[in-house]
Amino acid sequence: MRLRRLKSCCCCSLRDGVTTISLLHCLVDALGALWLALLLADARLVRRLLATEPEVAPAPAADGLPPPDLDTLSRAVRVGALLLLALLLASLPVDLALLVAAARRRRRLLLPWLGWQGLLLVGQLLLALTELLAAAASLEAAPETWAVIVLQLVIATVSGYCYAVVLSFFLQLREQDSKDYTGAPIMT
C-alpha cells in the first residue's frame, strides 16, 4: 500500500515547510523551557499564583478526604512543570536534527522527529480524549473546560498537519534516493 503524501506545505515546497516547522518548534521549545525554568526557579511564585485563584481554594471533598493544602498543590504543579520542562528539553535536539535534515536533505535525520512527534501526538490525542470523556460524564463541566478541550484538538490538528508535511518530505527524499540508485535523473 502506497502512502498518500502532500505535494506542498501552505503554498511552499515541502523542504521550506519542514524548515519552517523545525524553526517554529525550536522557538516554542526554547521559550517554553525558559518560561518553565523561571517558574521553577521561584518556589514561592507557584504558591502565590495558586493562592490567588478562587477555584483552587480548599473546599470540602465529597469523598470525605481532607482537601489538599496549597503546599501540596504547589508541589504537584512544580512536578508537572518539571516533567514538561524535561519534555521540552528532550524535544530541542530532535527539532534541531529536523532543521539539519531539511537543510542537507538527509531523510534518516527525519526519523527521530517523526518518532518523537508521533509519540507526542498520540499522547496529545489521548489527553484530549480523556478530558472530553471526563467533561461529558460530569454534565456540569465549566465552559473553560470545553475551551481547553477544543484548543487541545486544534493544536493536535496542527501537529498532525506538521507531521504529514515532514512525512511527505521523508517519502519524497526516499523516492529521490531510489531514483538515484537506478540511474534516473535527480529531481531538484
Protein backbone atom coordinates (compact mmCIF):
# COMPACT_ATOMS: atom_id res chain seq x y z
CA MET A 1 0.00 0.00 0.00
CA ARG A 2 1.41 3.36 -1.00
CA LEU A 3 1.10 6.25 1.44
CA ARG A 4 -0.56 9.40 0.16
CA ARG A 5 1.64 12.41 0.57
CA LEU A 6 1.35 16.14 0.38
CA LYS A 7 2.83 17.94 -2.61
CA SER A 8 3.46 21.23 -0.78
CA CYS A 9 3.13 22.93 2.58
CA CYS A 10 0.94 26.01 2.62
CA CYS A 11 1.88 27.01 -0.95
CA CYS A 12 5.62 26.44 -0.49
CA SER A 13 7.87 23.45 -1.06
CA LEU A 14 7.96 20.58 1.40
CA ARG A 15 11.58 21.44 2.22
CA ASP A 16 10.66 25.03 3.08
CA GLY A 17 7.71 23.78 5.10
CA VAL A 18 9.90 21.37 7.08
CA THR A 19 12.44 24.16 7.69
CA THR A 20 9.67 26.46 8.96
CA ILE A 21 8.22 23.71 11.14
CA SER A 22 11.61 22.97 12.67
CA LEU A 23 12.32 26.66 13.35
CA LEU A 24 8.90 27.15 14.97
CA HIS A 25 9.31 24.01 17.09
CA CYS A 26 12.78 25.16 18.21
CA LEU A 27 11.39 28.59 19.12
CA VAL A 28 8.45 27.15 21.07
CA ASP A 29 10.71 24.64 22.85
CA ALA A 30 13.25 27.30 23.82
CA LEU A 31 10.65 29.84 25.01
CA GLY A 32 8.66 27.20 26.87
CA ALA A 33 11.79 25.85 28.58
CA LEU A 34 12.83 29.38 29.57
CA TRP A 35 9.39 30.16 30.98
CA LEU A 36 9.24 26.90 32.93
CA ALA A 37 12.79 27.35 34.23
CA LEU A 38 11.86 30.82 35.51
CA LEU A 39 8.68 29.42 37.07
CA LEU A 40 10.61 26.63 38.79
CA ALA A 41 13.35 29.00 39.98
CA ASP A 42 10.98 30.71 42.42
CA ALA A 43 9.20 28.22 44.66
CA ARG A 44 7.02 30.93 46.19
CA LEU A 45 5.73 32.10 42.81
CA VAL A 46 3.69 28.94 42.19
CA ARG A 47 2.23 29.15 45.70
CA ARG A 48 1.27 32.82 45.19
CA LEU A 49 -0.33 32.05 41.84
CA LEU A 50 -2.35 29.20 43.32
CA ALA A 51 -3.43 31.31 46.30
CA THR A 52 -4.95 33.98 44.02
CA GLU A 53 -7.07 31.50 42.03
CA PRO A 54 -10.59 31.21 43.54
CA GLU A 55 -11.10 27.72 42.04
CA VAL A 56 -8.07 26.40 43.91
CA ALA A 57 -9.28 27.46 47.34
CA PRO A 58 -9.67 24.35 49.52
CA ALA A 59 -13.24 23.09 49.61
CA PRO A 60 -14.72 20.13 51.44
CA ALA A 61 -14.27 16.97 49.40
CA ALA A 62 -17.29 14.84 48.50
CA ASP A 63 -15.40 11.63 49.22
CA GLY A 64 -14.68 12.56 52.84
CA LEU A 65 -10.95 13.14 52.30
CA PRO A 66 -9.47 16.41 53.52
CA PRO A 67 -8.89 19.00 50.79
CA PRO A 68 -5.29 19.41 49.62
CA ASP A 69 -3.48 22.38 51.05
CA LEU A 70 -1.64 24.95 48.96
CA ASP A 71 1.74 23.37 49.66
CA THR A 72 0.60 20.04 48.22
CA LEU A 73 -0.90 21.75 45.17
CA SER A 74 2.26 23.80 44.74
CA ARG A 75 4.43 20.67 44.78
CA ALA A 76 2.13 18.97 42.25
CA VAL A 77 2.33 21.96 39.90
CA ARG A 78 6.11 22.09 40.26
CA VAL A 79 6.42 18.35 39.46
CA GLY A 80 4.21 18.81 36.40
CA ALA A 81 6.25 21.82 35.29
CA LEU A 82 9.46 19.84 35.77
CA LEU A 83 8.15 16.99 33.61
CA LEU A 84 7.06 19.43 30.93
CA LEU A 85 10.48 21.10 31.06
CA ALA A 86 12.14 17.71 30.55
CA LEU A 87 9.90 17.06 27.51
CA LEU A 88 10.76 20.43 26.01
CA LEU A 89 14.48 19.94 26.56
CA ALA A 90 14.29 16.46 25.02
CA SER A 91 12.44 17.90 22.01
CA LEU A 92 15.02 20.59 21.28
CA PRO A 93 17.79 18.35 19.84
CA VAL A 94 15.22 16.40 17.83
CA ASP A 95 13.90 19.65 16.35
CA LEU A 96 17.44 20.78 15.56
CA ALA A 97 18.04 17.46 13.78
CA LEU A 98 14.92 18.22 11.72
CA LEU A 99 16.43 21.55 10.70
CA VAL A 100 19.68 19.86 9.64
CA ALA A 101 17.71 17.17 7.77
CA ALA A 102 15.84 19.81 5.78
CA ALA A 103 18.98 21.79 5.00
CA ARG A 104 21.04 18.76 3.90
CA ARG A 105 18.16 16.67 2.52
CA ARG A 106 19.01 13.72 4.79
CA ARG A 107 15.94 11.57 5.19
CA ARG A 108 17.35 9.46 8.02
CA LEU A 109 17.67 12.59 10.18
CA LEU A 110 13.90 12.99 9.85
CA LEU A 111 13.23 9.68 11.60
CA PRO A 112 13.90 10.85 15.21
CA TRP A 113 11.50 13.76 14.75
CA LEU A 114 8.83 11.54 13.19
CA GLY A 115 9.13 9.04 16.06
CA TRP A 116 9.18 11.66 18.84
CA GLN A 117 6.37 13.76 17.39
CA GLY A 118 4.33 10.63 16.73
CA LEU A 119 4.53 9.75 20.42
CA LEU A 120 3.69 13.31 21.46
CA LEU A 121 0.77 13.45 19.03
CA VAL A 122 -0.69 10.20 20.35
CA GLY A 123 -0.27 11.47 23.92
CA GLN A 124 -1.91 14.76 23.00
CA LEU A 125 -4.89 13.00 21.46
CA LEU A 126 -5.25 10.62 24.44
CA LEU A 127 -5.17 13.56 26.85
CA ALA A 128 -7.84 15.42 24.86
CA LEU A 129 -9.98 12.28 24.64
CA THR A 130 -9.65 11.64 28.37
CA GLU A 131 -10.65 15.20 29.21
CA LEU A 132 -13.51 15.06 26.71
CA LEU A 133 -14.90 11.88 28.27
CA ALA A 134 -14.49 13.27 31.80
CA ALA A 135 -16.24 16.52 30.86
CA ALA A 136 -19.05 14.68 29.10
CA ALA A 137 -19.54 12.37 32.09
CA SER A 138 -19.71 15.20 34.62
CA LEU A 139 -22.51 17.06 32.78
CA GLU A 140 -21.55 20.18 34.73
CA ALA A 141 -18.23 20.95 33.08
CA ALA A 142 -17.30 24.61 33.04
CA PRO A 143 -17.12 26.43 29.71
CA GLU A 144 -13.38 26.84 30.31
CA THR A 145 -13.03 23.06 30.30
CA TRP A 146 -14.67 22.84 26.88
CA ALA A 147 -12.49 25.69 25.61
CA VAL A 148 -9.35 23.81 26.73
CA ILE A 149 -10.56 20.62 25.02
CA VAL A 150 -11.26 22.48 21.77
CA LEU A 151 -7.85 24.18 21.99
CA GLN A 152 -6.14 20.81 22.51
CA LEU A 153 -7.93 19.38 19.48
CA VAL A 154 -6.93 22.38 17.34
CA ILE A 155 -3.30 22.02 18.45
CA ALA A 156 -3.45 18.28 17.72
CA THR A 157 -4.81 19.03 14.24
CA VAL A 158 -1.98 21.49 13.50
CA SER A 159 0.54 18.99 14.91
CA GLY A 160 -0.93 16.29 12.68
CA TYR A 161 -0.55 18.53 9.64
CA CYS A 162 3.08 19.25 10.55
CA TYR A 163 3.63 15.52 10.91
CA ALA A 164 2.09 14.92 7.47
CA VAL A 165 4.38 17.56 5.92
CA VAL A 166 7.53 16.02 7.43
CA LEU A 167 6.40 12.50 6.49
CA SER A 168 5.72 13.65 2.93
CA PHE A 169 9.19 15.19 2.75
CA PHE A 170 10.64 11.92 4.03
CA LEU A 171 8.77 9.98 1.32
CA GLN A 172 9.90 12.46 -1.30
CA LEU A 173 13.54 12.07 -0.27
CA ARG A 174 13.18 8.28 -0.20
CA GLU A 175 11.78 8.32 -3.71
CA GLN A 176 14.64 10.53 -4.90
CA ASP A 177 17.19 8.23 -3.26
CA SER A 178 15.74 5.20 -5.02
CA LYS A 179 15.86 7.04 -8.36
CA ASP A 180 19.49 7.99 -7.71
CA TYR A 181 20.42 4.32 -7.43
CA THR A 182 18.56 3.35 -10.60
CA GLY A 183 20.33 5.94 -12.70
CA ALA A 184 17.27 8.11 -13.31
CA PRO A 185 17.79 11.89 -13.25
CA ILE A 186 17.63 13.61 -9.86
CA MET A 187 14.70 15.92 -9.24
CA THR A 188 15.67 19.29 -7.79
